Protein backbone atom coordinates (compact mmCIF):
# COMPACT_ATOMS: atom_id res chain seq x y z
CA UNK A 1 -86.97 84.96 -89.11
CA UNK A 2 -88.26 86.77 -86.16
CA UNK A 3 -91.54 88.92 -86.07
CA UNK A 4 -89.38 92.04 -86.06
CA UNK A 5 -87.16 91.06 -89.13
CA UNK A 6 -90.41 90.27 -90.99
CA UNK A 7 -92.01 93.65 -90.27
CA UNK A 8 -88.81 95.47 -91.19
CA UNK A 9 -88.66 93.50 -94.46
CA UNK A 10 -92.42 94.19 -95.03
CA UNK A 11 -91.89 97.84 -94.77
CA UNK A 12 -89.25 97.64 -97.48
CA UNK A 13 -91.45 95.51 -99.74
CA UNK A 14 -94.28 97.87 -99.20
CA UNK A 15 -92.52 100.42 -101.24
CA UNK A 16 -92.85 98.22 -104.24
CA UNK A 17 -96.60 97.33 -103.78
CA UNK A 18 -97.78 99.94 -106.30
CA UNK A 19 -95.35 98.58 -108.82
CA UNK A 20 -96.72 95.07 -108.40
CA UNK A 21 -99.20 95.64 -111.14
CA UNK A 22 -96.86 97.56 -113.54
CA UNK A 23 -96.27 95.45 -116.60
CA UNK A 24 -92.87 95.80 -118.45
CA UNK A 25 -93.18 97.47 -121.81
CA UNK A 26 -93.93 95.04 -124.67
CA UNK A 27 -90.30 95.28 -126.02
CA UNK A 28 -88.71 95.33 -122.59
CA UNK A 29 -87.45 98.09 -120.44
CA UNK A 30 -84.04 98.53 -122.04
CA UNK A 31 -85.60 99.08 -125.63
CA UNK A 32 -88.34 101.31 -124.24
CA UNK A 33 -85.97 103.56 -122.22
CA UNK A 34 -83.37 103.54 -125.06
CA UNK A 35 -85.75 104.74 -127.62
CA UNK A 36 -87.63 107.14 -125.38
CA UNK A 37 -84.26 108.74 -124.65
CA UNK A 38 -83.39 108.86 -128.40
CA UNK A 39 -80.26 106.73 -128.00
CA UNK A 40 -79.32 104.52 -130.77
CA UNK A 41 -78.07 100.89 -130.62
CA UNK A 42 -74.75 102.04 -131.49
CA UNK A 43 -74.62 104.70 -128.75
CA UNK A 44 -75.72 102.18 -125.89
CA UNK A 45 -73.24 99.75 -127.41
CA UNK A 46 -70.44 102.22 -127.10
CA UNK A 47 -71.32 102.95 -123.50
CA UNK A 48 -71.27 99.23 -122.76
CA UNK A 49 -68.19 98.41 -124.95
CA UNK A 50 -70.28 96.08 -127.25
CA UNK A 51 -71.54 95.99 -130.65
CA UNK A 52 -75.00 97.17 -131.68
CA UNK A 53 -75.93 93.53 -132.49
CA UNK A 54 -74.91 92.68 -128.94
CA UNK A 55 -77.36 95.40 -127.64
CA UNK A 56 -80.08 93.98 -129.80
CA UNK A 57 -79.35 90.57 -128.23
CA UNK A 58 -79.55 92.18 -124.75
CA UNK A 59 -82.96 93.52 -125.52
CA UNK A 60 -84.18 90.23 -126.92
CA UNK A 61 -82.73 88.25 -123.75
CA UNK A 62 -84.52 90.86 -121.59
CA UNK A 63 -87.76 90.37 -123.45
CA UNK A 64 -87.60 86.56 -123.04
CA UNK A 65 -86.64 86.73 -119.45
CA UNK A 66 -83.18 85.22 -119.95
CA UNK A 67 -81.17 88.22 -119.22
CA UNK A 68 -78.84 88.21 -116.18
CA UNK A 69 -79.17 90.75 -113.46
CA UNK A 70 -75.57 91.73 -114.05
CA UNK A 71 -76.34 92.63 -117.64
CA UNK A 72 -79.47 94.38 -116.66
CA UNK A 73 -77.73 96.27 -114.00
CA UNK A 74 -74.73 97.20 -116.18
CA UNK A 75 -77.19 98.24 -119.16
CA UNK A 76 -79.09 100.42 -116.74
CA UNK A 77 -75.88 102.10 -115.41
CA UNK A 78 -74.93 102.83 -119.06
CA UNK A 79 -78.20 104.71 -119.52
CA UNK A 80 -77.78 106.68 -116.35
CA UNK A 81 -80.54 104.46 -114.78
CA UNK A 82 -80.50 102.37 -111.68
CA UNK A 83 -81.91 98.81 -111.56
CA UNK A 84 -84.35 98.19 -108.86
CA UNK A 85 -84.88 94.68 -107.78
CA UNK A 86 -87.29 93.14 -105.46
CA UNK A 87 -89.38 90.09 -104.76
CA UNK A 88 -93.02 91.03 -103.90
CA UNK A 89 -95.38 88.63 -102.36
CA UNK A 90 -98.42 87.96 -104.59
CA UNK A 91 -100.57 88.23 -101.48
CA UNK A 92 -99.48 91.75 -100.91
CA UNK A 93 -97.72 91.20 -97.69
CA UNK A 94 -95.32 88.60 -96.08
CA UNK A 95 -98.05 88.41 -93.26
CA UNK A 96 -100.71 87.80 -95.82
CA UNK A 97 -98.67 85.19 -97.55
CA UNK A 98 -97.79 83.33 -94.33
CA UNK A 99 -101.57 83.42 -93.24
CA UNK A 100 -102.65 81.91 -96.71
CA UNK A 101 -100.04 79.11 -96.46
CA UNK A 102 -101.01 78.39 -92.77
CA UNK A 103 -104.80 78.19 -93.78
CA UNK A 104 -103.92 75.94 -96.55
CA UNK A 105 -101.86 73.66 -94.30
CA UNK A 106 -104.42 73.71 -91.42
CA UNK A 107 -107.24 72.84 -93.86
CA UNK A 108 -105.18 69.92 -95.23
CA UNK A 109 -104.36 68.44 -91.81
CA UNK A 110 -107.85 68.83 -90.31
CA UNK A 111 -109.47 67.46 -93.61
CA UNK A 112 -107.16 64.38 -93.52
CA UNK A 113 -107.85 63.80 -89.91
CA UNK A 114 -111.48 64.27 -90.36
CA UNK A 115 -111.65 61.63 -93.27
CA UNK A 116 -109.66 59.07 -90.94
CA UNK A 117 -112.18 59.78 -88.11
CA UNK A 118 -115.11 59.45 -90.62
CA UNK A 119 -113.76 56.01 -91.69
CA UNK A 120 -113.72 55.01 -88.03
CA UNK A 121 -117.33 56.10 -87.50
CA UNK A 122 -116.23 59.05 -85.27
CA UNK A 123 -117.11 62.02 -87.71
CA UNK A 124 -117.04 65.41 -85.84
CA UNK A 125 -119.81 68.01 -86.52
CA UNK A 126 -118.98 71.04 -88.85
CA UNK A 127 -118.47 73.53 -85.90
CA UNK A 128 -115.96 71.21 -84.27
CA UNK A 129 -114.07 70.87 -87.61
CA UNK A 130 -114.05 74.60 -88.01
CA UNK A 131 -112.85 75.00 -84.37
CA UNK A 132 -110.17 72.37 -84.95
CA UNK A 133 -109.15 74.32 -88.31
CA UNK A 134 -108.90 77.60 -86.32
CA UNK A 135 -106.89 75.94 -83.58
CA UNK A 136 -104.40 74.27 -86.14
CA UNK A 137 -104.05 77.54 -88.03
CA UNK A 138 -103.30 79.39 -84.77
CA UNK A 139 -100.55 76.69 -83.94
CA UNK A 140 -99.09 76.94 -87.32
CA UNK A 141 -98.97 80.68 -87.13
CA UNK A 142 -97.18 80.55 -83.84
CA UNK A 143 -94.56 77.89 -84.68
CA UNK A 144 -94.10 78.53 -88.48
CA UNK A 145 -93.08 74.92 -89.17
CA UNK A 146 -90.97 73.96 -92.11
CA UNK A 147 -93.76 72.11 -93.56
CA UNK A 148 -95.58 75.42 -94.37
CA UNK A 149 -93.47 75.71 -97.53
CA UNK A 150 -93.70 72.03 -98.72
């Protein structure tokens, strides 16, 4: 992915940032919205062409995170709602995620090399290790190797 593509995707993701900490209602979104609208299980079932028991099963599957996106989307549509779906980096942005992963990988590589050199009696001082870490991190950020995601 190019830097431009990543920036464009980051802008899209940014719109979800404030929702990142929003927890779903205890009983799930379907049940919470259905009851807030005053819609019965039968009424939602009629809109979906399923029984009230099947609507209850949908609500249970949503609560247990085993509902399909298709079912969730169809249910949202039946309630005149729209399903909004996104993957949001825990770090806040794609750049922050990549930076953290690069730091982890650089630290792992420099530590491993440092340990080998220490065993050979060629230990580097702390400032040289920090310099090596920063160099390795910069290299990783520039090349974005596949190993970043191992």
